[in-house]
Structure formats: C-alpha cells, structure tokens
Protein backbone atom coordinates (compact mmCIF):
# COMPACT_ATOMS: atom_id res chain seq x y z
CA MET A 1 52.22 -50.60 194.57
CA THR A 2 52.10 -51.81 198.19
CA LEU A 3 49.20 -53.82 199.60
CA LEU A 4 47.94 -50.84 201.46
CA GLU A 5 47.91 -48.70 198.31
CA THR A 6 46.01 -51.44 196.53
CA PHE A 7 43.21 -51.19 199.10
CA ARG A 8 42.50 -47.64 197.89
CA ASP A 9 41.62 -48.68 194.43
CA SER A 10 38.38 -50.73 194.38
CA GLU A 11 38.98 -52.26 190.93
CA ALA A 12 42.50 -53.64 192.16
CA LEU A 13 40.92 -54.89 195.26
CA ARG A 14 38.40 -57.03 193.46
CA VAL A 15 41.33 -58.80 191.73
CA LEU A 16 43.24 -59.62 195.05
CA ALA A 17 43.09 -63.22 196.21
CA LEU A 18 41.65 -63.98 199.69
CA PRO A 19 44.98 -64.45 201.44
CA ASP A 20 46.12 -60.98 200.24
CA LYS A 21 42.97 -59.39 201.42
CA ILE A 22 43.24 -60.93 204.74
CA ARG A 23 47.01 -59.86 205.05
CA GLY A 24 45.85 -56.31 204.09
CA ILE A 25 43.06 -56.25 206.57
CA ALA A 26 45.48 -57.44 209.36
CA GLU A 27 48.12 -54.71 208.30
CA ILE A 28 45.33 -52.06 208.50
CA THR A 29 44.16 -53.29 211.79
CA LEU A 30 47.52 -53.51 213.41
CA LEU A 31 48.44 -49.96 211.96
CA GLY A 32 45.25 -48.53 213.49
CA MET A 33 45.65 -50.19 216.82
CA GLY A 34 49.40 -49.16 216.95
CA LEU A 35 48.61 -45.49 216.25
CA THR A 36 45.81 -45.52 218.75
CA PHE A 37 48.08 -47.04 221.42
CA LEU A 38 50.83 -44.64 220.56
CA ALA A 39 48.45 -41.68 220.89
CA LEU A 40 47.26 -42.90 224.35
CA ILE A 41 50.89 -43.26 225.43
CA LEU A 42 51.56 -39.64 224.35
CA VAL A 43 48.35 -38.31 226.15
CA TRP A 44 49.40 -40.20 229.27
CA ALA A 45 52.99 -38.73 229.14
CA ALA A 46 51.58 -35.19 228.58
CA VAL A 47 49.26 -35.56 231.60
CA ARG A 48 52.11 -36.98 233.73
CA VAL A 49 54.38 -34.00 232.73
CA LEU A 50 51.72 -31.44 233.28
CA SER A 51 50.78 -32.87 236.70
CA ARG A 52 54.34 -32.34 237.80
CA PHE A 53 54.17 -28.76 236.98
CA PHE A 54 50.68 -27.89 238.02
CA GLY A 55 49.73 -30.86 240.22
CA GLY A 56 50.34 -29.36 243.71
CA LYS A 57 50.03 -31.74 246.64
CA PRO A 58 49.55 -35.43 246.19
CA LEU A 59 46.00 -36.75 246.66
CA GLU A 60 46.78 -38.65 249.89
CA GLU A 61 47.53 -35.41 251.68
CA GLU A 62 44.36 -33.62 250.43
CA ARG A 63 42.04 -36.27 251.93
CA THR A 64 40.44 -35.16 255.13
CA PRO A 65 37.92 -37.12 257.02
CA LEU A 66 34.38 -35.99 256.73
CA PRO A 67 32.66 -34.92 259.92
CA THR A 68 30.20 -37.32 261.15
CA ARG A 69 26.88 -36.30 262.41
CA PRO A 70 24.33 -38.26 264.19
CA ALA A 71 21.43 -39.71 262.41
CA PRO A 72 18.37 -37.60 262.55
CA GLU A 73 15.56 -38.82 264.68
CA GLU A 74 12.82 -40.01 262.39
CA ASP A 75 9.56 -38.02 262.70
CA ILE A 76 6.97 -40.73 262.00
CA GLY A 77 4.09 -38.26 262.38
CA ALA A 78 5.40 -36.20 259.46
CA ARG A 79 5.71 -39.25 257.27
CA VAL A 80 2.14 -40.40 258.07
CA ALA A 81 0.82 -36.91 257.40
CA ALA A 82 2.60 -36.90 254.11
CA ILE A 83 1.33 -40.28 252.94
CA ALA A 84 -2.24 -39.36 254.14
CA ALA A 85 -2.07 -36.18 252.17
CA ALA A 86 -0.66 -38.07 248.99
CA LEU A 87 -3.57 -40.70 249.34
CA ALA A 88 -6.08 -38.01 249.69
CA VAL A 89 -4.95 -36.22 246.59
CA CYS A 90 -5.04 -39.50 244.69
CA ARG A 91 -8.53 -40.50 245.85
CA GLU A 92 -9.78 -37.04 245.63
CA ASP A 93 -11.12 -37.17 249.18
CA PRO A 94 -10.65 -34.72 251.94
CA VAL A 95 -7.56 -35.39 254.12
CA GLU A 96 -9.79 -35.75 257.08
CA LYS A 97 -11.45 -38.91 255.75
CA VAL A 98 -8.02 -40.72 255.08
CA ARG A 99 -6.79 -42.95 257.82
CA VAL A 100 -3.37 -44.50 257.69
CA ARG A 101 -3.29 -47.65 259.80
CA LYS A 102 -0.08 -49.46 258.79
CA ILE A 103 2.89 -48.38 256.73
CA THR A 104 4.97 -51.09 255.25
CA ARG A 105 7.77 -50.88 252.63
CA GLY A 106 6.79 -52.54 249.40
CA PRO A 107 8.98 -54.92 247.30
CA ALA A 108 11.91 -53.37 245.80
CA PRO A 109 11.35 -52.27 242.07
CA PRO A 110 13.00 -54.74 239.67
CA SER A 111 16.48 -53.91 238.38
CA PRO A 112 16.60 -52.71 234.62
CA TRP A 113 18.92 -55.66 234.00
CA THR A 114 16.22 -58.22 234.80
CA GLY A 115 14.32 -56.96 231.74
CA ILE A 116 17.33 -57.68 229.49
CA ARG A 117 17.52 -61.24 230.74
CA GLN A 118 13.91 -61.75 230.06
CA LEU A 119 14.17 -60.46 226.47
CA GLY A 120 16.75 -63.11 225.74
CA ASP A 121 14.45 -65.85 226.83
CA PRO A 122 12.33 -67.47 224.09
C-alpha cells in the first residue's frame, strides 16, 4: 500500500509517524498543484489555438482613437437651483425661502480601506 492509499484509511493514518504524515501531505500538495498547473497550461493552449482560428485582427489594429469633445460649459445657475430645491425638500420649506449664498465642496469621503486599518488598532 502506497502512502497516498494509506491516507484514505483513517485507522491506518493514525498509526503513521509524523514524518510519514508530512511526506504524504507534501505529495498530495504537489500533486494537486501540478494538476492545477497542467490544467491551466491546457486551457491557455486551447485559447491560443482557438484565437488563431477565430481571432480575426490583432488588437492593435482594432484600436481607434476616441473623438474628443470640448468640455461642456458649466451652468452654475442650474446647480444652484438643484441645491436649493434639495435643501427646501430636506427642511420642508418652500423653495422661495431657501437662499444659497456659497457653494463649497466638502471633504472627500473616507476610503473604505481606512476603516480596515482602524479595526486593526487596539
């Protein structure tokens, strides 16, 4: 009975010495990684062969520059009206009572990654 066959039987596995168990674990790991790597090579080869038959033109030739368009003129009046309407709805006041004097951009929202860093601190 080989070492890999011994791993199937739980009773025989309990009798094995630690070095034999470690060697069996290494064999199983290498076998699994080897099969996975072989499968990836086969998939890569299949994609390569199929791209030669059905690939068409290379990607470099398909790229066309996107047409550039000028930046739209900012309509600050529309932004002020939208902000005033939103404030009026939040305060439940008529829009005529809301006056927007100054519009400033607030601080950027914190990144989700900053919370992860804070969780690790004691």
